[in-house]
Amino acid sequence: MAPRGGQRVDVKEQGESAHFIEGAVSSAPGGPAAPLFVLVNTSHPGNVGAAARAIKTMGFAHLALVAPRFADVLQQPEALALASGADDVLRNARQADTLVE
């Protein structure tokens, strides 16, 4: 069952973590909020690209990175290659230093 009302699901693998926060991004004024997928402490650009591709494949569009190891991770060749058609998700992704931001 999907989380509701701003609930968060944490996923951790090899020191990286991802957070799904439902309702974090508004899709339309007064309409239901679109989910925001948050990757925390990413260390491999390929994971960011693959996540962007998965997000787009599932019909979503919002990605945020918190404290990625490389500040330019969204422009890294490996991220772009593994995004494979989800360049718009990478291009529109937000970056922040903390999860609170």
PDB file of N, CA and C in Angstrom:
ATOM      1  N   MET A   1       0.846  -1.175   0.000  1.00  0.00           N
ATOM      2  CA  MET A   1       0.000   0.000   0.000  1.00  0.00           C
ATOM      3  C   MET A   1       0.892   1.238   0.000  1.00  0.00           C
ATOM      4  N   ALA A   2       0.547   2.225  -0.779  1.00  0.00           N
ATOM      5  CA  ALA A   2       1.337   3.463  -0.869  1.00  0.00           C
ATOM      6  C   ALA A   2       1.180   4.296   0.397  1.00  0.00           C
ATOM      7  N   PRO A   3       2.235   5.018   0.758  1.00  0.00           N
ATOM      8  CA  PRO A   3       2.125   5.895   1.920  1.00  0.00           C
ATOM      9  C   PRO A   3       1.135   7.020   1.650  1.00  0.00           C
ATOM     10  N   ARG A   4       0.498   7.524   2.691  1.00  0.00           N
ATOM     11  CA  ARG A   4      -0.482   8.597   2.536  1.00  0.00           C
ATOM     12  C   ARG A   4      -0.169   9.751   3.465  1.00  0.00           C
ATOM     13  N   GLY A   5      -0.647  10.926   3.063  1.00  0.00           N
ATOM     14  CA  GLY A   5      -0.586  12.093   3.929  1.00  0.00           C
ATOM     15  C   GLY A   5       0.798  12.487   4.388  1.00  0.00           C
ATOM     16  N   GLY A   6       1.764  12.474   3.484  1.00  0.00           N
ATOM     17  CA  GLY A   6       3.098  12.924   3.842  1.00  0.00           C
ATOM     18  C   GLY A   6       3.930  11.877   4.566  1.00  0.00           C
ATOM     19  N   GLN A   7       3.458  10.644   4.633  1.00  0.00           N
ATOM     20  CA  GLN A   7       4.258   9.600   5.256  1.00  0.00           C
ATOM     21  C   GLN A   7       5.490   9.338   4.416  1.00  0.00           C
ATOM     22  N   ARG A   8       6.536   8.873   5.056  1.00  0.00           N
ATOM     23  CA  ARG A   8       7.802   8.664   4.378  1.00  0.00           C
ATOM     24  C   ARG A   8       8.193   7.198   4.468  1.00  0.00           C
ATOM     25  N   VAL A   9       8.698   6.663   3.361  1.00  0.00           N
ATOM     26  CA  VAL A   9       9.234   5.312   3.327  1.00  0.00           C
ATOM     27  C   VAL A   9      10.714   5.439   3.037  1.00  0.00           C
ATOM     28  N   ASP A  10      11.552   4.843   3.882  1.00  0.00           N
ATOM     29  CA  ASP A  10      12.996   4.919   3.708  1.00  0.00           C
ATOM     30  C   ASP A  10      13.519   3.606   3.133  1.00  0.00           C
ATOM     31  N   VAL A  11      14.432   3.720   2.187  1.00  0.00           N
ATOM     32  CA  VAL A  11      15.083   2.564   1.594  1.00  0.00           C
ATOM     33  C   VAL A  11      16.575   2.817   1.661  1.00  0.00           C
ATOM     34  N   LYS A  12      17.334   1.860   2.186  1.00  0.00           N
ATOM     35  CA  LYS A  12      18.780   2.052   2.307  1.00  0.00           C
ATOM     36  C   LYS A  12      19.514   0.898   1.644  1.00  0.00           C
ATOM     37  N   GLU A  13      20.574   1.230   0.912  1.00  0.00           N
ATOM     38  CA  GLU A  13      21.403   0.221   0.279  1.00  0.00           C
ATOM     39  C   GLU A  13      22.807   0.770   0.132  1.00  0.00           C
ATOM     40  N   GLN A  14      23.783   0.075   0.636  1.00  0.00           N
ATOM     41  CA  GLN A  14      25.191   0.428   0.511  1.00  0.00           C
ATOM     42  C   GLN A  14      25.467   1.887   0.842  1.00  0.00           C
ATOM     43  N   GLY A  15      24.956   2.361   1.955  1.00  0.00           N
ATOM     44  CA  GLY A  15      25.246   3.719   2.400  1.00  0.00           C
ATOM     45  C   GLY A  15      24.414   4.805   1.752  1.00  0.00           C
ATOM     46  N   GLU A  16      23.622   4.468   0.754  1.00  0.00           N
ATOM     47  CA  GLU A  16      22.755   5.449   0.111  1.00  0.00           C
ATOM     48  C   GLU A  16      21.344   5.235   0.632  1.00  0.00           C
ATOM     49  N   SER A  17      20.546   6.252   0.590  1.00  0.00           N
ATOM     50  CA  SER A  17      19.158   6.063   0.993  1.00  0.00           C
ATOM     51  C   SER A  17      18.244   6.848   0.076  1.00  0.00           C
ATOM     52  N   ALA A  18      17.017   6.387  -0.014  1.00  0.00           N
ATOM     53  CA  ALA A  18      16.010   7.061  -0.828  1.00  0.00           C
ATOM     54  C   ALA A  18      14.772   7.242   0.029  1.00  0.00           C
ATOM     55  N   HIS A  19      14.090   8.322  -0.183  1.00  0.00           N
ATOM     56  CA  HIS A  19      12.882   8.623   0.575  1.00  0.00           C
ATOM     57  C   HIS A  19      11.770   8.961  -0.403  1.00  0.00           C
ATOM     58  N   PHE A  20      10.628   8.361  -0.214  1.00  0.00           N
ATOM     59  CA  PHE A  20       9.448   8.679  -1.009  1.00  0.00           C
ATOM     60  C   PHE A  20       8.541   9.492  -0.107  1.00  0.00           C
ATOM     61  N   ILE A  21       8.247  10.700  -0.503  1.00  0.00           N
ATOM     62  CA  ILE A  21       7.394  11.561   0.305  1.00  0.00           C
ATOM     63  C   ILE A  21       6.175  11.929  -0.525  1.00  0.00           C
ATOM     64  N   GLU A  22       5.049  11.324  -0.202  1.00  0.00           N
ATOM     65  CA  GLU A  22       3.829  11.611  -0.947  1.00  0.00           C
ATOM     66  C   GLU A  22       3.323  12.985  -0.563  1.00  0.00           C
ATOM     67  N   GLY A  23       2.891  13.737  -1.558  1.00  0.00           N
ATOM     68  CA  GLY A  23       2.320  15.044  -1.282  1.00  0.00           C
ATOM     69  C   GLY A  23       3.352  16.138  -1.155  1.00  0.00           C
ATOM     70  N   ALA A  24       4.590  15.875  -1.548  1.00  0.00           N
ATOM     71  CA  ALA A  24       5.643  16.869  -1.386  1.00  0.00           C
ATOM     72  C   ALA A  24       5.675  17.886  -2.523  1.00  0.00           C
ATOM     73  N   VAL A  25       5.067  17.566  -3.646  1.00  0.00           N
ATOM     74  CA  VAL A  25       5.068  18.464  -4.800  1.00  0.00           C
ATOM     75  C   VAL A  25       3.646  18.589  -5.312  1.00  0.00           C
ATOM     76  N   SER A  26       3.188  19.796  -5.492  1.00  0.00           N
ATOM     77  CA  SER A  26       1.838  20.011  -5.995  1.00  0.00           C
ATOM     78  C   SER A  26       1.810  19.792  -7.496  1.00  0.00           C
ATOM     79  N   SER A  27       0.838  19.033  -7.980  1.00  0.00           N
ATOM     80  CA  SER A  27       0.727  18.796  -9.412  1.00  0.00           C
ATOM     81  C   SER A  27      -0.128  19.858 -10.093  1.00  0.00           C
ATOM     82  N   ALA A  28      -1.084  20.409  -9.387  1.00  0.00           N
ATOM     83  CA  ALA A  28      -1.946  21.457  -9.928  1.00  0.00           C
ATOM     84  C   ALA A  28      -2.603  22.178  -8.757  1.00  0.00           C
ATOM     85  N   PRO A  29      -2.883  23.465  -8.929  1.00  0.00           N
ATOM     86  CA  PRO A  29      -3.538  24.189  -7.837  1.00  0.00           C
ATOM     87  C   PRO A  29      -4.844  23.513  -7.439  1.00  0.00           C
ATOM     88  N   GLY A  30      -4.963  23.168  -6.175  1.00  0.00           N
ATOM     89  CA  GLY A  30      -6.172  22.539  -5.681  1.00  0.00           C
ATOM     90  C   GLY A  30      -6.304  21.064  -5.998  1.00  0.00           C
ATOM     91  N   GLY A  31      -5.390  20.542  -6.824  1.00  0.00           N
ATOM     92  CA  GLY A  31      -5.456  19.133  -7.197  1.00  0.00           C
ATOM     93  C   GLY A  31      -4.605  18.282  -6.280  1.00  0.00           C
ATOM     94  N   PRO A  32      -4.595  16.989  -6.535  1.00  0.00           N
ATOM     95  CA  PRO A  32      -3.776  16.109  -5.707  1.00  0.00           C
ATOM     96  C   PRO A  32      -2.293  16.404  -5.927  1.00  0.00           C
ATOM     97  N   ALA A  33      -1.511  16.192  -4.905  1.00  0.00           N
ATOM     98  CA  ALA A  33      -0.074  16.449  -4.996  1.00  0.00           C
ATOM     99  C   ALA A  33       0.625  15.282  -5.685  1.00  0.00           C
ATOM    100  N   ALA A  34       1.634  15.610  -6.471  1.00  0.00           N
ATOM    101  CA  ALA A  34       2.447  14.593  -7.133  1.00  0.00           C
ATOM    102  C   ALA A  34       3.560  14.164  -6.190  1.00  0.00           C
ATOM    103  N   PRO A  35       3.930  12.891  -6.204  1.00  0.00           N
ATOM    104  CA  PRO A  35       4.996  12.442  -5.308  1.00  0.00           C
ATOM    105  C   PRO A  35       6.362  12.997  -5.701  1.00  0.00           C
ATOM    106  N   LEU A  36       7.184  13.206  -4.709  1.00  0.00           N
ATOM    107  CA  LEU A  36       8.565  13.645  -4.888  1.00  0.00           C
ATOM    108  C   LEU A  36       9.450  12.507  -4.415  1.00  0.00           C
ATOM    109  N   PHE A  37      10.360  12.066  -5.261  1.00  0.00           N
ATOM    110  CA  PHE A  37      11.295  11.010  -4.913  1.00  0.00           C
ATOM    111  C   PHE A  37      12.605  11.664  -4.508  1.00  0.00           C
ATOM    112  N   VAL A  38      13.100  11.317  -3.324  1.00  0.00           N
ATOM    113  CA  VAL A  38      14.284  11.957  -2.760  1.00  0.00           C
ATOM    114  C   VAL A  38      15.383  10.921  -2.575  1.00  0.00           C
ATOM    115  N   LEU A  39      16.547  11.184  -3.173  1.00  0.00           N
ATOM    116  CA  LEU A  39      17.722  10.330  -2.997  1.00  0.00           C
ATOM    117  C   LEU A  39      18.689  11.060  -2.082  1.00  0.00           C
ATOM    118  N   VAL A  40      19.175  10.371  -1.054  1.00  0.00           N
ATOM    119  CA  VAL A  40      20.043  10.987  -0.051  1.00  0.00           C
ATOM    120  C   VAL A  40      21.424  10.342  -0.084  1.00  0.00           C
ATOM    121  N   ASN A  41      22.461  11.186  -0.094  1.00  0.00           N
ATOM    122  CA  ASN A  41      23.862  10.741  -0.067  1.00  0.00           C
ATOM    123  C   ASN A  41      24.217   9.813  -1.218  1.00  0.00           C
ATOM    124  N   THR A  42      23.739  10.108  -2.394  1.00  0.00           N
ATOM    125  CA  THR A  42      24.056   9.264  -3.544  1.00  0.00           C
ATOM    126  C   THR A  42      25.541   9.346  -3.843  1.00  0.00           C
ATOM    127  N   SER A  43      26.121   8.202  -4.177  1.00  0.00           N
ATOM    128  CA  SER A  43      27.553   8.179  -4.458  1.00  0.00           C
ATOM    129  C   SER A  43      27.864   7.690  -5.867  1.00  0.00           C
ATOM    130  N   HIS A  44      26.873   7.160  -6.564  1.00  0.00           N
ATOM    131  CA  HIS A  44      27.091   6.647  -7.913  1.00  0.00           C
ATOM    132  C   HIS A  44      26.159   7.355  -8.899  1.00  0.00           C
ATOM    133  N   PRO A  45      26.701   8.109  -9.848  1.00  0.00           N
ATOM    134  CA  PRO A  45      25.865   8.813 -10.822  1.00  0.00           C
ATOM    135  C   PRO A  45      24.913   7.891 -11.579  1.00  0.00           C
ATOM    136  N   GLY A  46      25.342   6.663 -11.824  1.00  0.00           N
ATOM    137  CA  GLY A  46      24.485   5.716 -12.527  1.00  0.00           C
ATOM    138  C   GLY A  46      23.195   5.431 -11.776  1.00  0.00           C
ATOM    139  N   ASN A  47      23.271   5.392 -10.444  1.00  0.00           N
ATOM    140  CA  ASN A  47      22.061   5.167  -9.640  1.00  0.00           C
ATOM    141  C   ASN A  47      21.078   6.319  -9.800  1.00  0.00           C
ATOM    142  N   VAL A  48      21.601   7.530  -9.898  1.00  0.00           N
ATOM    143  CA  VAL A  48      20.741   8.704 -10.076  1.00  0.00           C
ATOM    144  C   VAL A  48      20.043   8.629 -11.435  1.00  0.00           C
ATOM    145  N   GLY A  49      20.796   8.286 -12.472  1.00  0.00           N
ATOM    146  CA  GLY A  49      20.215   8.156 -13.802  1.00  0.00           C
ATOM    147  C   GLY A  49      19.174   7.053 -13.874  1.00  0.00           C
ATOM    148  N   ALA A  50      19.489   5.908 -13.275  1.00  0.00           N
ATOM    149  CA  ALA A  50      18.549   4.786 -13.274  1.00  0.00           C
ATOM    150  C   ALA A  50      17.280   5.139 -12.492  1.00  0.00           C
ATOM    151  N   ALA A  51      17.432   5.858 -11.395  1.00  0.00           N
ATOM    152  CA  ALA A  51      16.263   6.286 -10.619  1.00  0.00           C
ATOM    153  C   ALA A  51      15.397   7.234 -11.447  1.00  0.00           C
ATOM    154  N   ALA A  52      16.030   8.159 -12.161  1.00  0.00           N
ATOM    155  CA  ALA A  52      15.282   9.092 -13.016  1.00  0.00           C
ATOM    156  C   ALA A  52      14.491   8.326 -14.075  1.00  0.00           C
ATOM    157  N   ARG A  53      15.123   7.317 -14.670  1.00  0.00           N
ATOM    158  CA  ARG A  53      14.437   6.512 -15.687  1.00  0.00           C
ATOM    159  C   ARG A  53      13.249   5.776 -15.073  1.00  0.00           C
ATOM    160  N   ALA A  54      13.432   5.190 -13.897  1.00  0.00           N
ATOM    161  CA  ALA A  54      12.342   4.465 -13.233  1.00  0.00           C
ATOM    162  C   ALA A  54      11.197   5.413 -12.870  1.00  0.00           C
ATOM    163  N   ILE A  55      11.546   6.597 -12.389  1.00  0.00           N
ATOM    164  CA  ILE A  55      10.529   7.593 -12.033  1.00  0.00           C
ATOM    165  C   ILE A  55       9.680   7.935 -13.254  1.00  0.00           C
ATOM    166  N   LYS A  56      10.340   8.193 -14.376  1.00  0.00           N
ATOM    167  CA  LYS A  56       9.609   8.556 -15.596  1.00  0.00           C
ATOM    168  C   LYS A  56       8.799   7.371 -16.130  1.00  0.00           C
ATOM    169  N   THR A  57       9.372   6.182 -16.075  1.00  0.00           N
ATOM    170  CA  THR A  57       8.679   4.991 -16.556  1.00  0.00           C
ATOM    171  C   THR A  57       7.370   4.762 -15.804  1.00  0.00           C
ATOM    172  N   MET A  58       7.366   5.094 -14.517  1.00  0.00           N
ATOM    173  CA  MET A  58       6.152   4.918 -13.702  1.00  0.00           C
ATOM    174  C   MET A  58       5.184   6.092 -13.839  1.00  0.00           C
ATOM    175  N   GLY A  59       5.535   7.073 -14.683  1.00  0.00           N
ATOM    176  CA  GLY A  59       4.635   8.194 -14.919  1.00  0.00           C
ATOM    177  C   GLY A  59       4.811   9.366 -13.973  1.00  0.00           C
ATOM    178  N   PHE A  60       5.908   9.378 -13.228  1.00  0.00           N
ATOM    179  CA  PHE A  60       6.185  10.477 -12.307  1.00  0.00           C
ATOM    180  C   PHE A  60       7.267  11.370 -12.899  1.00  0.00           C
ATOM    181  N   ALA A  61       7.549  12.502 -12.246  1.00  0.00           N
ATOM    182  CA  ALA A  61       8.512  13.434 -12.829  1.00  0.00           C
ATOM    183  C   ALA A  61       9.390  14.162 -11.828  1.00  0.00           C
ATOM    184  N   HIS A  62       9.142  14.018 -10.537  1.00  0.00           N
ATOM    185  CA  HIS A  62       9.830  14.857  -9.553  1.00  0.00           C
ATOM    186  C   HIS A  62      10.891  14.090  -8.771  1.00  0.00           C
ATOM    187  N   LEU A  63      12.130  14.585  -8.869  1.00  0.00           N
ATOM    188  CA  LEU A  63      13.279  13.977  -8.204  1.00  0.00           C
ATOM    189  C   LEU A  63      14.034  15.058  -7.446  1.00  0.00           C
ATOM    190  N   ALA A  64      14.491  14.720  -6.260  1.00  0.00           N
ATOM    191  CA  ALA A  64      15.336  15.630  -5.481  1.00  0.00           C
ATOM    192  C   ALA A  64      16.523  14.845  -4.948  1.00  0.00           C
ATOM    193  N   LEU A  65      17.675  15.495  -4.913  1.00  0.00           N
ATOM    194  CA  LEU A  65      18.895  14.898  -4.376  1.00  0.00           C
ATOM    195  C   LEU A  65      19.313  15.675  -3.148  1.00  0.00           C
ATOM    196  N   VAL A  66      19.605  14.956  -2.083  1.00  0.00           N
ATOM    197  CA  VAL A  66      20.068  15.582  -0.848  1.00  0.00           C
ATOM    198  C   VAL A  66      21.500  15.131  -0.596  1.00  0.00           C
ATOM    199  N   ALA A  67      22.391  16.094  -0.493  1.00  0.00           N
ATOM    200  CA  ALA A  67      23.802  15.853  -0.187  1.00  0.00           C
ATOM    201  C   ALA A  67      24.438  14.785  -1.074  1.00  0.00           C
ATOM    202  N   PRO A  68      24.329  14.932  -2.406  1.00  0.00           N
ATOM    203  CA  PRO A  68      25.001  13.953  -3.261  1.00  0.00           C
ATOM    204  C   PRO A  68      26.517  14.095  -3.128  1.00  0.00           C
ATOM    205  N   ARG A  69      27.233  12.996  -3.321  1.00  0.00           N
ATOM    206  CA  ARG A  69      28.692  13.027  -3.206  1.00  0.00           C
ATOM    207  C   ARG A  69      29.300  13.994  -4.222  1.00  0.00           C
ATOM    208  N   PHE A  70      28.742  14.036  -5.428  1.00  0.00           N
ATOM    209  CA  PHE A  70      29.245  14.914  -6.485  1.00  0.00           C
ATOM    210  C   PHE A  70      28.201  15.988  -6.784  1.00  0.00           C
ATOM    211  N   ALA A  71      28.589  17.246  -6.672  1.00  0.00           N
ATOM    212  CA  ALA A  71      27.655  18.352  -6.903  1.00  0.00           C
ATOM    213  C   ALA A  71      27.115  18.356  -8.335  1.00  0.00           C
ATOM    214  N   ASP A  72      27.920  17.879  -9.275  1.00  0.00           N
ATOM    215  CA  ASP A  72      27.507  17.873 -10.684  1.00  0.00           C
ATOM    216  C   ASP A  72      26.946  16.517 -11.120  1.00  0.00           C
ATOM    217  N   VAL A  73      26.447  15.733 -10.180  1.00  0.00           N
ATOM    218  CA  VAL A  73      25.978  14.381 -10.477  1.00  0.00           C
ATOM    219  C   VAL A  73      24.941  14.358 -11.598  1.00  0.00           C
ATOM    220  N   LEU A  74      24.109  15.372 -11.692  1.00  0.00           N
ATOM    221  CA  LEU A  74      23.057  15.390 -12.709  1.00  0.00           C
ATOM    222  C   LEU A  74      23.598  15.564 -14.123  1.00  0.00           C
ATOM    223  N   GLN A  75      24.839  16.040 -14.240  1.00  0.00           N
ATOM    224  CA  GLN A  75      25.458  16.215 -15.550  1.00  0.00           C
ATOM    225  C   GLN A  75      26.509  15.147 -15.849  1.00  0.00           C
ATOM    226  N   GLN A  76      26.730  14.221 -14.937  1.00  0.00           N
ATOM    227  CA  GLN A  76      27.735  13.171 -15.136  1.00  0.00           C
ATOM    228  C   GLN A  76      27.301  12.268 -16.298  1.00  0.00           C
ATOM    229  N   PRO A  77      28.246  11.886 -17.181  1.00  0.00           N
ATOM    230  CA  PRO A  77      27.905  11.038 -18.329  1.00  0.00           C
ATOM    231  C   PRO A  77      27.173   9.748 -17.947  1.00  0.00           C
ATOM    232  N   GLU A  78      27.572   9.114 -16.848  1.00  0.00           N
ATOM    233  CA  GLU A  78      26.923   7.865 -16.441  1.00  0.00           C
ATOM    234  C   GLU A  78      25.465   8.104 -16.038  1.00  0.00           C
ATOM    235  N   ALA A  79      25.188   9.205 -15.364  1.00  0.00           N
ATOM    236  CA  ALA A  79      23.805   9.529 -14.985  1.00  0.00           C
ATOM    237  C   ALA A  79      22.965   9.761 -16.234  1.00  0.00           C
ATOM    238  N   LEU A  80      23.511  10.521 -17.171  1.00  0.00           N
ATOM    239  CA  LEU A  80      22.778  10.812 -18.409  1.00  0.00           C
ATOM    240  C   LEU A  80      22.542   9.546 -19.222  1.00  0.00           C
ATOM    241  N   ALA A  81      23.543   8.672 -19.286  1.00  0.00           N
ATOM    242  CA  ALA A  81      23.408   7.437 -20.058  1.00  0.00           C
ATOM    243  C   ALA A  81      22.336   6.524 -19.456  1.00  0.00           C
ATOM    244  N   LEU A  82      22.355   6.359 -18.146  1.00  0.00           N
ATOM    245  CA  LEU A  82      21.396   5.454 -17.510  1.00  0.00           C
ATOM    246  C   LEU A  82      20.004   6.069 -17.370  1.00  0.00           C
ATOM    247  N   ALA A  83      19.889   7.386 -17.517  1.00  0.00           N
ATOM    248  CA  ALA A  83      18.562   8.019 -17.510  1.00  0.00           C
ATOM    249  C   ALA A  83      17.787   7.596 -18.755  1.00  0.00           C
ATOM    250  N   SER A  84      18.473   7.390 -19.852  1.00  0.00           N
ATOM    251  CA  SER A  84      17.915   6.850 -21.086  1.00  0.00           C
ATOM    252  C   SER A  84      16.492   7.322 -21.394  1.00  0.00           C
ATOM    253  N   GLY A  85      16.371   8.593 -21.778  1.00  0.00           N
ATOM    254  CA  GLY A  85      15.064   9.144 -22.126  1.00  0.00           C
ATOM    255  C   GLY A  85      14.400   9.915 -21.002  1.00  0.00           C
ATOM    256  N   ALA A  86      15.021   9.934 -19.839  1.00  0.00           N
ATOM    257  CA  ALA A  86      14.463  10.676 -18.704  1.00  0.00           C
ATOM    258  C   ALA A  86      15.338  11.882 -18.390  1.00  0.00           C
ATOM    259  N   ASP A  87      15.933  12.443 -19.430  1.00  0.00           N
ATOM    260  CA  ASP A  87      16.793  13.620 -19.254  1.00  0.00           C
ATOM    261  C   ASP A  87      16.026  14.771 -18.608  1.00  0.00           C
ATOM    262  N   ASP A  88      14.732  14.880 -18.914  1.00  0.00           N
ATOM    263  CA  ASP A  88      13.927  15.955 -18.330  1.00  0.00           C
ATOM    264  C   ASP A  88      13.806  15.807 -16.814  1.00  0.00           C
ATOM    265  N   VAL A  89      13.745  14.576 -16.324  1.00  0.00           N
ATOM    266  CA  VAL A  89      13.680  14.358 -14.876  1.00  0.00           C
ATOM    267  C   VAL A  89      14.982  14.828 -14.232  1.00  0.00           C
ATOM    268  N   LEU A  90      16.126  14.505 -14.861  1.00  0.00           N
ATOM    269  CA  LEU A  90      17.418  14.972 -14.339  1.00  0.00           C
ATOM    270  C   LEU A  90      17.515  16.493 -14.417  1.00  0.00           C
ATOM    271  N   ARG A  91      17.114  17.049 -15.544  1.00  0.00           N
ATOM    272  CA  ARG A  91      17.218  18.494 -15.757  1.00  0.00           C
ATOM    273  C   ARG A  91      16.389  19.283 -14.738  1.00  0.00           C
ATOM    274  N   ASN A  92      15.238  18.743 -14.354  1.00  0.00           N
ATOM    275  CA  ASN A  92      14.342  19.435 -13.428  1.00  0.00           C
ATOM    276  C   ASN A  92      14.528  19.022 -11.968  1.00  0.00           C
ATOM    277  N   ALA A  93      15.474  18.140 -11.709  1.00  0.00           N
ATOM    278  CA  ALA A  93      15.698  17.666 -10.336  1.00  0.00           C
ATOM    279  C   ALA A  93      16.210  18.794  -9.450  1.00  0.00           C
ATOM    280  N   ARG A  94      15.806  18.749  -8.192  1.00  0.00           N
ATOM    281  CA  ARG A  94      16.275  19.721  -7.202  1.00  0.00           C
ATOM    282  C   ARG A  94      17.444  19.119  -6.435  1.00  0.00           C
ATOM    283  N   GLN A  95      18.339  19.979  -5.952  1.00  0.00           N
ATOM    284  CA  GLN A  95      19.433  19.546  -5.090  1.00  0.00           C
ATOM    285  C   GLN A  95      19.416  20.378  -3.822  1.00  0.00           C
ATOM    286  N   ALA A  96      19.730  19.735  -2.694  1.00  0.00           N
ATOM    287  CA  ALA A  96      19.767  20.424  -1.405  1.00  0.00           C
ATOM    288  C   ALA A  96      20.844  19.788  -0.537  1.00  0.00           C
ATOM    289  N   ASP A  97      21.265  20.527   0.473  1.00  0.00           N
ATOM    290  CA  ASP A  97      22.276  20.019   1.395  1.00  0.00           C
ATOM    291  C   ASP A  97      21.677  19.179   2.516  1.00  0.00           C
ATOM    292  N   THR A  98      20.407  19.444   2.856  1.00  0.00           N
ATOM    293  CA  THR A  98      19.752  18.700   3.934  1.00  0.00           C
ATOM    294  C   THR A  98      18.355  18.285   3.505  1.00  0.00           C
ATOM    295  N   LEU A  99      17.819  17.282   4.158  1.00  0.00           N
ATOM    296  CA  LEU A  99      16.476  16.808   3.850  1.00  0.00           C
ATOM    297  C   LEU A  99      15.430  17.865   4.174  1.00  0.00           C
ATOM    298  N   VAL A 100      15.689  18.695   5.161  1.00  0.00           N
ATOM    299  CA  VAL A 100      14.755  19.756   5.553  1.00  0.00           C
ATOM    300  C   VAL A 100      14.549  20.753   4.417  1.00  0.00           C
ATOM    301  N   GLU A 101      15.606  21.042   3.664  1.00  0.00           N
ATOM    302  CA  GLU A 101      15.507  21.994   2.554  1.00  0.00           C
ATOM    303  C   GLU A 101      14.571  21.467   1.500  1.00  0.00           C
TER     304      GLU A 101
END
